Amino acid sequence: MMLAAGADADDIARELLRRTESPISAIKAISDSTGLGLADAKSVVHRNLAPETREAAENLWADLLDARDPGET
């Protein structure tokens, strides 16, 4: 409905983040509603998080990437 009203992905992300405490749910909803891939939807959601939440999410993501098996790509 928001897309039909002219909202872009950032507008939708901000609204979703006001309504849910789960950035993961917001990423999935952005991907489903806009056709963006999950990586692009993640970028949209992360740039619309509160600064301290965004920093924590980015640190967690970096830690997860660092912890994965070195043989994985």
C-alpha atoms as a PDB file:
ATOM      1  CA  MET A   1       0.000   0.000   0.000  1.00  0.00           C
ATOM      2  CA  MET A   2       2.821   2.414   0.804  1.00  0.00           C
ATOM      3  CA  LEU A   3       4.467   1.698  -2.558  1.00  0.00           C
ATOM      4  CA  ALA A   4       1.220   2.565  -4.333  1.00  0.00           C
ATOM      5  CA  ALA A   5       1.183   5.849  -2.410  1.00  0.00           C
ATOM      6  CA  GLY A   6       4.655   6.699  -3.731  1.00  0.00           C
ATOM      7  CA  ALA A   7       6.727   5.675  -0.718  1.00  0.00           C
ATOM      8  CA  ASP A   8      10.254   4.518  -1.370  1.00  0.00           C
ATOM      9  CA  ALA A   9      12.111   1.723   0.418  1.00  0.00           C
ATOM     10  CA  ASP A  10      13.456   4.126   3.057  1.00  0.00           C
ATOM     11  CA  ASP A  11       9.946   5.384   3.876  1.00  0.00           C
ATOM     12  CA  ILE A  12       8.737   1.811   4.237  1.00  0.00           C
ATOM     13  CA  ALA A  13      11.738   0.845   6.391  1.00  0.00           C
ATOM     14  CA  ARG A  14      11.165   3.758   8.762  1.00  0.00           C
ATOM     15  CA  GLU A  15       7.503   2.803   9.164  1.00  0.00           C
ATOM     16  CA  LEU A  16       8.316  -0.876   9.697  1.00  0.00           C
ATOM     17  CA  LEU A  17      10.940  -0.025  12.311  1.00  0.00           C
ATOM     18  CA  ARG A  18       8.372   2.078  14.181  1.00  0.00           C
ATOM     19  CA  ARG A  19       6.031  -0.928  14.270  1.00  0.00           C
ATOM     20  CA  THR A  20       8.413  -3.786  15.024  1.00  0.00           C
ATOM     21  CA  GLU A  21      11.425  -4.320  17.234  1.00  0.00           C
ATOM     22  CA  SER A  22      12.846  -6.821  14.767  1.00  0.00           C
ATOM     23  CA  PRO A  23      15.157  -5.470  12.071  1.00  0.00           C
ATOM     24  CA  ILE A  24      15.176  -8.993  10.605  1.00  0.00           C
ATOM     25  CA  SER A  25      11.406  -8.853  10.096  1.00  0.00           C
ATOM     26  CA  ALA A  26      11.774  -5.408   8.546  1.00  0.00           C
ATOM     27  CA  ILE A  27      14.480  -6.671   6.153  1.00  0.00           C
ATOM     28  CA  LYS A  28      12.266  -9.552   5.025  1.00  0.00           C
ATOM     29  CA  ALA A  29       9.246  -7.262   4.598  1.00  0.00           C
ATOM     30  CA  ILE A  30      11.266  -4.738   2.563  1.00  0.00           C
ATOM     31  CA  SER A  31      12.597  -7.518   0.367  1.00  0.00           C
ATOM     32  CA  ASP A  32       9.137  -8.992  -0.157  1.00  0.00           C
ATOM     33  CA  SER A  33       7.374  -5.689  -0.794  1.00  0.00           C
ATOM     34  CA  THR A  34       9.926  -3.983  -3.036  1.00  0.00           C
ATOM     35  CA  GLY A  35      11.560  -6.898  -4.820  1.00  0.00           C
ATOM     36  CA  LEU A  36      14.974  -5.942  -3.441  1.00  0.00           C
ATOM     37  CA  GLY A  37      17.343  -8.756  -2.609  1.00  0.00           C
ATOM     38  CA  LEU A  38      17.996  -9.445   1.049  1.00  0.00           C
ATOM     39  CA  ALA A  39      21.403  -7.727   0.963  1.00  0.00           C
ATOM     40  CA  ASP A  40      19.919  -4.527  -0.466  1.00  0.00           C
ATOM     41  CA  ALA A  41      16.957  -4.685   1.924  1.00  0.00           C
ATOM     42  CA  LYS A  42      19.421  -5.088   4.826  1.00  0.00           C
ATOM     43  CA  SER A  43      21.232  -1.935   3.727  1.00  0.00           C
ATOM     44  CA  VAL A  44      17.959   0.013   3.564  1.00  0.00           C
ATOM     45  CA  VAL A  45      16.850  -1.135   7.005  1.00  0.00           C
ATOM     46  CA  HIS A  46      20.260  -0.616   8.624  1.00  0.00           C
ATOM     47  CA  ARG A  47      20.574   2.951   7.390  1.00  0.00           C
ATOM     48  CA  ASN A  48      17.177   3.710   8.962  1.00  0.00           C
ATOM     49  CA  LEU A  49      17.985   2.258  12.388  1.00  0.00           C
ATOM     50  CA  ALA A  50      18.685   4.524  15.338  1.00  0.00           C
ATOM     51  CA  PRO A  51      22.441   5.259  15.379  1.00  0.00           C
ATOM     52  CA  GLU A  52      23.203   3.151  18.464  1.00  0.00           C
ATOM     53  CA  THR A  53      21.114   0.250  17.143  1.00  0.00           C
ATOM     54  CA  ARG A  54      22.766   0.504  13.727  1.00  0.00           C
ATOM     55  CA  GLU A  55      26.230   0.409  15.311  1.00  0.00           C
ATOM     56  CA  ALA A  56      25.328  -2.643  17.412  1.00  0.00           C
ATOM     57  CA  ALA A  57      23.872  -4.422  14.368  1.00  0.00           C
ATOM     58  CA  GLU A  58      26.936  -3.644  12.256  1.00  0.00           C
ATOM     59  CA  ASN A  59      29.247  -4.902  15.015  1.00  0.00           C
ATOM     60  CA  LEU A  60      27.213  -8.096  15.361  1.00  0.00           C
ATOM     61  CA  TRP A  61      27.289  -8.630  11.602  1.00  0.00           C
ATOM     62  CA  ALA A  62      31.062  -8.105  11.514  1.00  0.00           C
ATOM     63  CA  ASP A  63      31.521 -10.530  14.419  1.00  0.00           C
ATOM     64  CA  LEU A  64      29.416 -13.145  12.631  1.00  0.00           C
ATOM     65  CA  LEU A  65      31.446 -12.771   9.448  1.00  0.00           C
ATOM     66  CA  ASP A  66      34.703 -13.021  11.400  1.00  0.00           C
ATOM     67  CA  ALA A  67      33.522 -16.151  13.224  1.00  0.00           C
ATOM     68  CA  ARG A  68      32.499 -18.132  10.163  1.00  0.00           C
ATOM     69  CA  ASP A  69      34.635 -20.931   8.796  1.00  0.00           C
ATOM     70  CA  PRO A  70      37.605 -19.470   6.834  1.00  0.00           C
ATOM     71  CA  GLY A  71      36.895 -21.930   4.015  1.00  0.00           C
ATOM     72  CA  GLU A  72      33.443 -20.451   3.401  1.00  0.00           C
ATOM     73  CA  THR A  73      32.772 -17.639   0.968  1.00  0.00           C
END
